[in-house]
């Protein structure tokens, strides 16, 4: 997919008309703006776009010039930036390269209607996407798990199941836990994790679907209102 792109430069000179001259445009930008690319190049930006949109782009140019970094904006109608794509939402990136400004954008249905989440995934959709990303590492020997200490319920990712040679859904839910516990049965840090909630980060040898390998296993607890461990969350990865 090719992003719509406009490239312009600031007009300079004592008698020059203030503004920007378009020096390059791709077909995607012409289609989005409803303009033919022929004759587009060399025109003043203010002659091609509404004044309020030019003003918004000018502000982005100033930010890019001041920071020296690309400027990103996600906007929703009635923000004038959405006029670039004629959609309800848009994501715009403006970059300064020397004396030239490069503006690219994506309509909201491709770019997303809100800024990317940072840190902990907040929504259900975020968490499902994160889980899918983790399971995508299954063939590389990475898995995550969660163990409810009150009910004994154990949940392991597809990667955890395959690491122990068990296809998800093909075995009893307790089987991956039994295999994990057998690996950690002599590890004091595992007992400290379960009893006192002490974070665990250990390296052990395991017999996995990748053969006899070394693995790093980590774990931490979520505590209840009484301060005692309630749920264990962790991960495991094999390495040479």
Protein backbone atom coordinates (compact mmCIF):
# COMPACT_ATOMS: atom_id res chain seq x y z
CA UNK A 1 0.00 0.00 0.00
CA UNK A 2 1.31 3.43 -0.92
CA UNK A 3 0.55 6.29 1.42
CA UNK A 4 -0.71 9.52 -0.12
CA UNK A 5 2.21 11.96 -0.12
CA UNK A 6 2.63 15.67 -0.70
CA UNK A 7 6.07 17.31 -0.76
CA UNK A 8 6.46 21.05 -0.52
CA UNK A 9 9.02 23.73 0.25
CA UNK A 10 8.67 27.18 1.76
CA UNK A 11 8.66 30.08 -0.67
CA UNK A 12 11.57 32.44 0.00
CA UNK A 13 12.69 35.81 -1.37
CA UNK A 14 11.94 39.49 -0.64
CA UNK A 15 9.07 39.68 -3.11
CA UNK A 16 7.82 36.12 -2.79
CA UNK A 17 4.27 35.36 -1.82
CA UNK A 18 4.30 33.76 1.67
CA UNK A 19 3.45 30.10 1.69
CA UNK A 20 4.58 26.77 0.28
CA UNK A 21 5.18 25.48 -3.22
CA UNK A 22 4.30 21.86 -3.98
CA UNK A 23 7.28 20.11 -5.57
CA UNK A 24 6.07 16.52 -5.68
CA UNK A 25 2.83 14.58 -5.33
CA UNK A 26 1.93 10.95 -5.83
CA UNK A 27 -1.20 9.52 -7.44
CA UNK A 28 -2.63 8.40 -4.09
CA UNK A 29 -2.58 11.98 -2.80
CA UNK A 30 -4.16 13.27 -6.00
CA UNK A 31 -6.93 10.70 -5.74
CA UNK A 32 -7.54 11.49 -2.06
CA UNK A 33 -7.79 15.21 -2.74
CA UNK A 34 -9.81 14.82 -5.91
CA UNK A 35 -7.15 16.58 -7.96
CA UNK A 36 -5.29 15.56 -11.07
CA UNK A 37 -1.57 15.22 -10.42
CA UNK A 38 -0.83 16.87 -13.75
CA UNK A 39 -0.35 20.55 -13.05
CA UNK A 40 -0.26 19.91 -9.32
CA UNK A 41 3.49 20.34 -9.04
CA UNK A 42 4.62 23.96 -8.82
CA UNK A 43 1.32 25.22 -7.48
CA UNK A 44 1.00 27.05 -4.20
CA UNK A 45 -0.35 24.87 -1.41
CA UNK A 46 -2.86 27.59 -0.57
CA UNK A 47 -4.29 27.43 -4.11
CA UNK A 48 -4.94 23.69 -3.82
CA UNK A 49 -6.24 23.27 -0.28
CA UNK A 50 -8.70 25.19 1.93
CA UNK A 51 -7.18 27.98 4.01
CA UNK A 52 -7.96 26.34 7.36
CA UNK A 53 -6.31 23.09 6.25
CA UNK A 54 -3.23 24.99 5.05
CA UNK A 55 -3.10 26.74 8.42
CA UNK A 56 -3.20 23.38 10.22
CA UNK A 57 -0.43 21.99 8.02
CA UNK A 58 1.62 25.14 8.58
CA UNK A 59 1.44 24.56 12.33
CA UNK A 60 2.70 21.01 11.82
CA UNK A 61 5.54 22.37 9.69
CA UNK A 62 6.54 24.71 12.50
CA UNK A 63 6.53 21.84 15.01
CA UNK A 64 8.63 19.65 12.72
CA UNK A 65 11.10 22.47 12.07
CA UNK A 66 11.45 23.22 15.78
CA UNK A 67 11.78 19.62 17.00
CA UNK A 68 13.80 18.23 14.10
CA UNK A 69 11.65 15.09 14.34
CA UNK A 70 8.64 13.82 12.39
CA UNK A 71 5.33 15.09 13.75
CA UNK A 72 2.36 12.72 14.03
CA UNK A 73 -1.28 13.70 14.42
CA UNK A 74 -4.35 11.50 14.74
CA UNK A 75 -7.52 13.50 14.21
CA UNK A 76 -11.27 12.99 13.94
CA UNK A 77 -13.89 15.15 12.25
CA UNK A 78 -14.61 18.02 12.45
CA UNK A 79 -10.81 18.51 12.61
CA UNK A 80 -9.76 20.09 9.31
CA UNK A 81 -6.91 17.58 8.85
CA UNK A 82 -9.53 14.98 7.90
CA UNK A 83 -10.06 16.95 4.67
CA UNK A 84 -6.84 15.36 3.42
CA UNK A 85 -8.53 11.98 3.19
CA UNK A 86 -12.20 13.00 3.17
CA UNK A 87 -12.85 10.51 5.94
CA UNK A 88 -14.02 10.85 9.54
CA UNK A 89 -10.61 10.01 10.99
CA UNK A 90 -7.03 10.37 9.82
CA UNK A 91 -3.42 9.85 10.88
CA UNK A 92 -0.96 12.41 9.50
CA UNK A 93 2.84 12.33 9.54
CA UNK A 94 4.83 15.43 8.59
CA UNK A 95 8.62 15.24 8.24
CA UNK A 96 11.14 17.95 7.46
CA UNK A 97 14.06 16.87 5.27
CA UNK A 98 16.42 19.79 4.78
CA UNK A 99 14.27 22.59 3.36
CA UNK A 100 11.60 20.18 2.16
CA UNK A 101 8.48 19.01 4.00
CA UNK A 102 7.01 15.57 3.35
CA UNK A 103 3.40 15.03 4.37
CA UNK A 104 1.86 11.54 4.31
CA UNK A 105 -1.41 10.27 5.73
CA UNK A 106 -3.72 7.31 6.17
CA UNK A 107 -7.50 7.37 6.54
CA UNK A 108 -8.76 6.24 9.93
CA UNK A 109 -10.10 2.88 8.84
CA UNK A 110 -6.50 1.91 8.05
CA UNK A 111 -4.62 3.94 10.63
CA UNK A 112 -6.88 3.34 13.64
CA UNK A 113 -9.13 5.89 15.25
CA UNK A 114 -7.03 6.51 18.35
CA UNK A 115 -3.42 6.76 19.34
CA UNK A 116 -1.58 3.47 19.93
CA UNK A 117 -1.68 2.21 23.51
CA UNK A 118 1.57 2.45 25.44
CA UNK A 119 2.53 0.42 28.48
CA UNK A 120 -0.04 -2.06 29.79
CA UNK A 121 -2.72 -3.06 27.27
CA UNK A 122 -5.92 -1.52 28.58
CA UNK A 123 -8.89 -2.72 26.54
CA UNK A 124 -10.07 -6.24 25.85
CA UNK A 125 -9.06 -5.78 22.21
CA UNK A 126 -5.57 -4.70 23.31
CA UNK A 127 -5.21 -7.77 25.49
CA UNK A 128 -6.41 -10.12 22.77
CA UNK A 129 -3.96 -8.55 20.33
CA UNK A 130 -1.16 -8.95 22.88
CA UNK A 131 -2.11 -12.59 23.45
CA UNK A 132 -2.07 -13.22 19.71
CA UNK A 133 1.37 -11.62 19.50
CA UNK A 134 2.67 -13.88 22.26
CA UNK A 135 1.23 -16.97 20.62
CA UNK A 136 2.88 -15.87 17.39
CA UNK A 137 6.20 -16.59 19.11
CA UNK A 138 5.20 -20.18 19.84
CA UNK A 139 7.57 -21.70 17.29
CA UNK A 140 10.45 -19.76 18.84
CA UNK A 141 10.03 -21.43 22.24
CA UNK A 142 8.22 -18.65 24.09
CA UNK A 143 5.13 -19.09 26.27
CA UNK A 144 3.23 -17.36 29.05
CA UNK A 145 1.07 -18.72 31.83
CA UNK A 146 -1.33 -17.72 34.61
CA UNK A 147 -2.11 -19.82 37.71
CA UNK A 148 -4.98 -18.99 40.08
CA UNK A 149 -3.78 -20.13 43.51
CA UNK A 150 -7.31 -20.20 44.96
CA UNK A 151 -9.01 -22.31 42.29
CA UNK A 152 -6.02 -24.07 40.75
CA UNK A 153 -7.07 -22.84 37.30
CA UNK A 154 -4.09 -22.78 34.96
CA UNK A 155 -4.04 -20.99 31.62
CA UNK A 156 -1.13 -21.35 29.24
CA UNK A 157 -0.51 -19.78 25.85
CA UNK A 158 -0.24 -21.83 22.68
CA UNK A 159 3.51 -21.33 22.91
CA UNK A 160 3.63 -22.86 26.39
CA UNK A 161 1.67 -25.92 25.26
CA UNK A 162 3.83 -26.50 22.20
CA UNK A 163 6.99 -25.95 24.20
CA UNK A 164 6.06 -29.01 26.25
CA UNK A 165 4.94 -30.91 23.16
CA UNK A 166 1.20 -30.55 23.83
CA UNK A 167 -1.08 -29.14 21.16
CA UNK A 168 -3.56 -26.64 22.65
CA UNK A 169 -6.90 -28.30 23.36
CA UNK A 170 -5.52 -31.81 22.88
CA UNK A 171 -4.73 -32.52 26.52
CA UNK A 172 -6.11 -31.91 29.98
CA UNK A 173 -5.76 -28.33 31.25
CA UNK A 174 -3.64 -29.49 34.20
CA UNK A 175 -1.06 -31.29 32.05
CA UNK A 176 1.05 -28.25 31.10
CA UNK A 177 0.97 -27.15 34.75
CA UNK A 178 2.13 -30.59 35.86
CA UNK A 179 5.02 -30.41 33.45
CA UNK A 180 5.92 -26.91 34.55
CA UNK A 181 5.79 -27.91 38.21
CA UNK A 182 7.94 -30.97 37.56
CA UNK A 183 10.60 -28.73 36.08
CA UNK A 184 10.43 -26.37 39.06
CA UNK A 185 9.89 -28.96 41.81
CA UNK A 186 13.39 -28.54 43.24
CA UNK A 187 13.63 -24.80 42.63
CA UNK A 188 13.41 -22.89 45.90
CA UNK A 189 12.47 -19.67 44.09
CA UNK A 190 9.26 -21.36 42.83
CA UNK A 191 8.19 -22.18 46.40
CA UNK A 192 9.03 -18.65 47.52
CA UNK A 193 6.91 -17.31 44.67
CA UNK A 194 3.89 -19.41 45.64
CA UNK A 195 4.14 -18.94 49.40
CA UNK A 196 5.43 -15.44 49.86
CA UNK A 197 5.00 -13.83 46.45
CA UNK A 198 8.73 -13.31 45.91
CA UNK A 199 9.36 -12.62 42.19
CA UNK A 200 11.07 -15.53 40.40
CA UNK A 201 13.64 -15.39 37.62
CA UNK A 202 15.50 -18.67 37.18
CA UNK A 203 17.32 -20.69 34.54
CA UNK A 204 16.66 -24.42 34.45
CA UNK A 205 17.10 -27.39 32.16
CA UNK A 206 13.93 -28.75 30.53
CA UNK A 207 12.97 -31.53 28.16
CA UNK A 208 10.89 -29.63 25.64
CA UNK A 209 9.65 -30.11 22.12
CA UNK A 210 12.85 -28.31 21.13
CA UNK A 211 14.92 -31.05 22.80
CA UNK A 212 16.86 -30.84 26.04
CA UNK A 213 17.38 -27.12 26.43
CA UNK A 214 18.03 -24.42 28.95
CA UNK A 215 15.05 -22.23 29.74
CA UNK A 216 14.46 -18.99 31.58
CA UNK A 217 11.29 -18.99 33.67
CA UNK A 218 9.97 -15.87 35.34
CA UNK A 219 6.96 -15.29 37.56
CA UNK A 220 5.32 -12.65 39.70
CA UNK A 221 2.14 -12.57 41.76
CA UNK A 222 -1.02 -10.56 41.96
CA UNK A 223 -2.01 -10.13 45.60
CA UNK A 224 -5.45 -10.15 47.15
CA UNK A 225 -6.93 -7.61 49.55
CA UNK A 226 -5.27 -9.46 52.45
CA UNK A 227 -1.86 -9.05 50.84
CA UNK A 228 -1.42 -12.76 50.14
CA UNK A 229 -0.59 -14.16 46.66
CA UNK A 230 -3.70 -14.91 44.61
CA UNK A 231 -2.61 -15.30 40.98
CA UNK A 232 0.79 -16.11 39.48
CA UNK A 233 1.67 -14.68 36.08
CA UNK A 234 4.81 -15.67 34.25
CA UNK A 235 6.62 -16.66 31.12
CA UNK A 236 9.14 -19.15 29.83
CA UNK A 237 11.54 -19.11 26.92
CA UNK A 238 14.13 -21.63 25.76
CA UNK A 239 17.59 -20.74 24.57
CA UNK A 240 20.78 -22.50 23.52
